[in-house]
């Protein structure tokens, strides 16, 4: 039972990481394609940068190692 609960938690964390990285990629693309000619600098808060780094590292480790208990 505990293994099943942990497995669901890992999958939830995996998909939340995908969404977090996707949001940042979307913002970067949106700012690069701005039509007003003035491209704003993409700024990320310190907490956002830490979460983005953790999300990317979790995604890469899941891709190469897999989700194991």
N, C-alpha and C. Protein backbone atom coordinates (compact mmCIF):
# COMPACT_ATOMS: atom_id res chain seq x y z
N UNK A 1 0.82 -1.18 0.00
CA UNK A 1 0.00 0.00 0.00
C UNK A 1 0.87 1.27 0.00
N UNK A 2 1.90 1.27 0.81
CA UNK A 2 2.79 2.42 0.87
C UNK A 2 3.53 2.59 -0.45
N UNK A 3 3.89 1.49 -1.07
CA UNK A 3 4.58 1.56 -2.35
C UNK A 3 3.68 2.16 -3.43
N UNK A 4 2.42 1.80 -3.43
CA UNK A 4 1.47 2.35 -4.38
C UNK A 4 1.28 3.85 -4.16
N UNK A 5 1.22 4.27 -2.91
CA UNK A 5 1.06 5.69 -2.60
C UNK A 5 2.29 6.49 -3.03
N UNK A 6 3.48 5.95 -2.77
CA UNK A 6 4.70 6.63 -3.19
C UNK A 6 4.81 6.70 -4.71
N UNK A 7 4.39 5.64 -5.37
CA UNK A 7 4.43 5.62 -6.83
C UNK A 7 3.52 6.71 -7.41
N UNK A 8 2.33 6.88 -6.84
CA UNK A 8 1.42 7.93 -7.29
C UNK A 8 2.00 9.31 -7.00
N UNK A 9 2.66 9.46 -5.88
CA UNK A 9 3.29 10.73 -5.54
C UNK A 9 4.42 11.06 -6.51
N UNK A 10 5.20 10.07 -6.90
CA UNK A 10 6.28 10.28 -7.86
C UNK A 10 5.74 10.68 -9.23
N UNK A 11 4.66 10.02 -9.66
CA UNK A 11 4.07 10.38 -10.95
C UNK A 11 3.47 11.78 -10.90
N UNK A 12 2.85 12.15 -9.80
CA UNK A 12 2.31 13.50 -9.65
C UNK A 12 3.43 14.53 -9.72
N UNK A 13 4.53 14.26 -9.04
CA UNK A 13 5.69 15.16 -9.08
C UNK A 13 6.27 15.24 -10.48
N UNK A 14 6.29 14.12 -11.18
CA UNK A 14 6.80 14.10 -12.55
C UNK A 14 5.96 14.99 -13.46
N UNK A 15 4.64 14.88 -13.40
CA UNK A 15 3.79 15.70 -14.26
C UNK A 15 3.79 17.17 -13.84
N UNK A 16 3.92 17.46 -12.57
CA UNK A 16 4.03 18.84 -12.13
C UNK A 16 5.34 19.45 -12.64
N UNK A 17 6.39 18.66 -12.69
CA UNK A 17 7.67 19.14 -13.24
C UNK A 17 7.55 19.44 -14.72
N UNK A 18 6.83 18.57 -15.44
CA UNK A 18 6.61 18.81 -16.87
C UNK A 18 5.85 20.11 -17.08
N UNK A 19 4.81 20.34 -16.30
CA UNK A 19 4.03 21.56 -16.43
C UNK A 19 4.85 22.80 -16.07
N UNK A 20 5.67 22.70 -15.05
CA UNK A 20 6.49 23.84 -14.64
C UNK A 20 7.48 24.22 -15.74
N UNK A 21 8.16 23.25 -16.30
CA UNK A 21 9.10 23.52 -17.39
C UNK A 21 8.36 24.03 -18.62
N UNK A 22 7.19 23.47 -18.89
CA UNK A 22 6.39 23.91 -20.03
C UNK A 22 5.95 25.36 -19.90
N UNK A 23 5.58 25.78 -18.71
CA UNK A 23 5.18 27.17 -18.48
C UNK A 23 6.34 28.12 -18.76
N UNK A 24 7.52 27.77 -18.31
CA UNK A 24 8.69 28.63 -18.54
C UNK A 24 9.06 28.68 -20.02
N UNK A 25 8.99 27.55 -20.69
CA UNK A 25 9.29 27.54 -22.13
C UNK A 25 8.26 28.37 -22.88
N UNK A 26 7.00 28.27 -22.51
CA UNK A 26 5.95 29.04 -23.16
C UNK A 26 6.18 30.55 -22.97
N UNK A 27 6.56 30.96 -21.77
CA UNK A 27 6.82 32.37 -21.51
C UNK A 27 8.01 32.89 -22.33
N UNK A 28 9.05 32.09 -22.44
CA UNK A 28 10.22 32.50 -23.22
C UNK A 28 9.84 32.65 -24.70
N UNK A 29 9.10 31.69 -25.24
CA UNK A 29 8.69 31.76 -26.64
C UNK A 29 7.75 32.94 -26.86
N UNK A 30 6.85 33.18 -25.93
CA UNK A 30 5.90 34.28 -26.06
C UNK A 30 6.62 35.62 -26.07
N UNK A 31 7.62 35.76 -25.23
CA UNK A 31 8.36 37.02 -25.19
C UNK A 31 9.25 37.20 -26.40
N UNK A 32 9.78 36.12 -26.94
CA UNK A 32 10.61 36.22 -28.14
C UNK A 32 9.77 36.58 -29.37
N UNK A 33 8.51 36.19 -29.37
CA UNK A 33 7.65 36.45 -30.52
C UNK A 33 6.77 37.68 -30.32
N UNK A 34 7.11 38.54 -29.41
CA UNK A 34 6.29 39.72 -29.17
C UNK A 34 6.25 40.58 -30.43
N UNK A 35 5.08 41.08 -30.74
CA UNK A 35 4.89 41.79 -32.00
C UNK A 35 5.10 43.29 -31.87
N UNK A 36 5.27 43.79 -30.67
CA UNK A 36 5.42 45.23 -30.53
C UNK A 36 6.84 45.70 -30.82
N UNK A 37 7.73 44.79 -31.13
CA UNK A 37 9.09 45.17 -31.46
C UNK A 37 10.00 45.28 -30.25
N UNK A 38 9.41 45.48 -29.10
CA UNK A 38 10.20 45.61 -27.87
C UNK A 38 10.12 44.30 -27.13
N UNK A 39 11.23 43.64 -27.02
CA UNK A 39 11.25 42.36 -26.33
C UNK A 39 11.64 42.57 -24.88
N UNK A 40 10.73 42.22 -24.00
CA UNK A 40 11.01 42.37 -22.58
C UNK A 40 12.00 41.30 -22.14
N UNK A 41 12.76 41.65 -21.15
CA UNK A 41 13.70 40.69 -20.58
C UNK A 41 12.91 39.68 -19.76
N UNK A 42 13.22 38.41 -19.94
CA UNK A 42 12.53 37.36 -19.20
C UNK A 42 13.15 37.26 -17.82
N UNK A 43 12.39 37.61 -16.81
CA UNK A 43 12.88 37.59 -15.44
C UNK A 43 12.19 36.50 -14.65
N UNK A 44 12.98 35.80 -13.87
CA UNK A 44 12.45 34.74 -13.03
C UNK A 44 12.87 35.05 -11.59
N UNK A 45 11.93 34.89 -10.67
CA UNK A 45 12.26 35.12 -9.27
C UNK A 45 13.22 34.04 -8.77
N UNK A 46 13.79 34.27 -7.63
CA UNK A 46 14.73 33.30 -7.07
C UNK A 46 14.05 31.97 -6.79
N UNK A 47 12.85 32.02 -6.21
CA UNK A 47 12.11 30.79 -5.92
C UNK A 47 11.74 30.09 -7.22
N UNK A 48 11.31 30.86 -8.22
CA UNK A 48 10.97 30.27 -9.51
C UNK A 48 12.16 29.61 -10.18
N UNK A 49 13.32 30.23 -10.04
CA UNK A 49 14.53 29.67 -10.62
C UNK A 49 14.94 28.37 -9.91
N UNK A 50 14.79 28.35 -8.61
CA UNK A 50 15.10 27.13 -7.86
C UNK A 50 14.16 26.01 -8.25
N UNK A 51 12.85 26.32 -8.34
CA UNK A 51 11.87 25.30 -8.73
C UNK A 51 12.08 24.83 -10.16
N UNK A 52 12.47 25.74 -11.04
CA UNK A 52 12.75 25.35 -12.43
C UNK A 52 13.96 24.42 -12.48
N UNK A 53 14.99 24.73 -11.73
CA UNK A 53 16.17 23.86 -11.69
C UNK A 53 15.85 22.49 -11.12
N UNK A 54 15.05 22.45 -10.06
CA UNK A 54 14.65 21.16 -9.49
C UNK A 54 13.78 20.38 -10.46
N UNK A 55 12.90 21.07 -11.17
CA UNK A 55 12.03 20.39 -12.14
C UNK A 55 12.84 19.79 -13.27
N UNK A 56 13.79 20.55 -13.79
CA UNK A 56 14.61 20.04 -14.88
C UNK A 56 15.47 18.86 -14.41
N UNK A 57 16.04 18.97 -13.23
CA UNK A 57 16.87 17.86 -12.74
C UNK A 57 16.03 16.62 -12.46
N UNK A 58 14.80 16.80 -11.96
CA UNK A 58 13.92 15.65 -11.72
C UNK A 58 13.51 15.00 -13.03
N UNK A 59 13.19 15.81 -14.04
CA UNK A 59 12.83 15.25 -15.34
C UNK A 59 13.98 14.48 -15.96
N UNK A 60 15.18 15.05 -15.92
CA UNK A 60 16.33 14.36 -16.50
C UNK A 60 16.66 13.07 -15.76
N UNK A 61 16.61 13.10 -14.44
CA UNK A 61 16.90 11.88 -13.68
C UNK A 61 15.83 10.82 -13.90
N UNK A 62 14.58 11.24 -14.09
CA UNK A 62 13.51 10.28 -14.37
C UNK A 62 13.68 9.68 -15.75
N UNK A 63 14.09 10.48 -16.71
CA UNK A 63 14.29 9.97 -18.07
C UNK A 63 15.43 8.96 -18.10
N UNK A 64 16.53 9.25 -17.44
CA UNK A 64 17.70 8.38 -17.53
C UNK A 64 17.64 7.19 -16.57
N UNK A 65 17.05 7.37 -15.39
CA UNK A 65 17.04 6.31 -14.39
C UNK A 65 15.67 5.64 -14.29
N UNK A 66 14.62 6.43 -14.39
CA UNK A 66 13.27 5.91 -14.25
C UNK A 66 12.80 6.10 -12.82
N UNK A 67 11.51 5.88 -12.63
CA UNK A 67 10.93 6.00 -11.29
C UNK A 67 11.01 4.64 -10.63
N UNK A 68 11.84 4.53 -9.63
CA UNK A 68 12.02 3.27 -8.91
C UNK A 68 11.88 3.51 -7.42
N UNK A 69 11.47 2.52 -6.73
CA UNK A 69 11.40 2.60 -5.27
C UNK A 69 12.53 1.83 -4.65
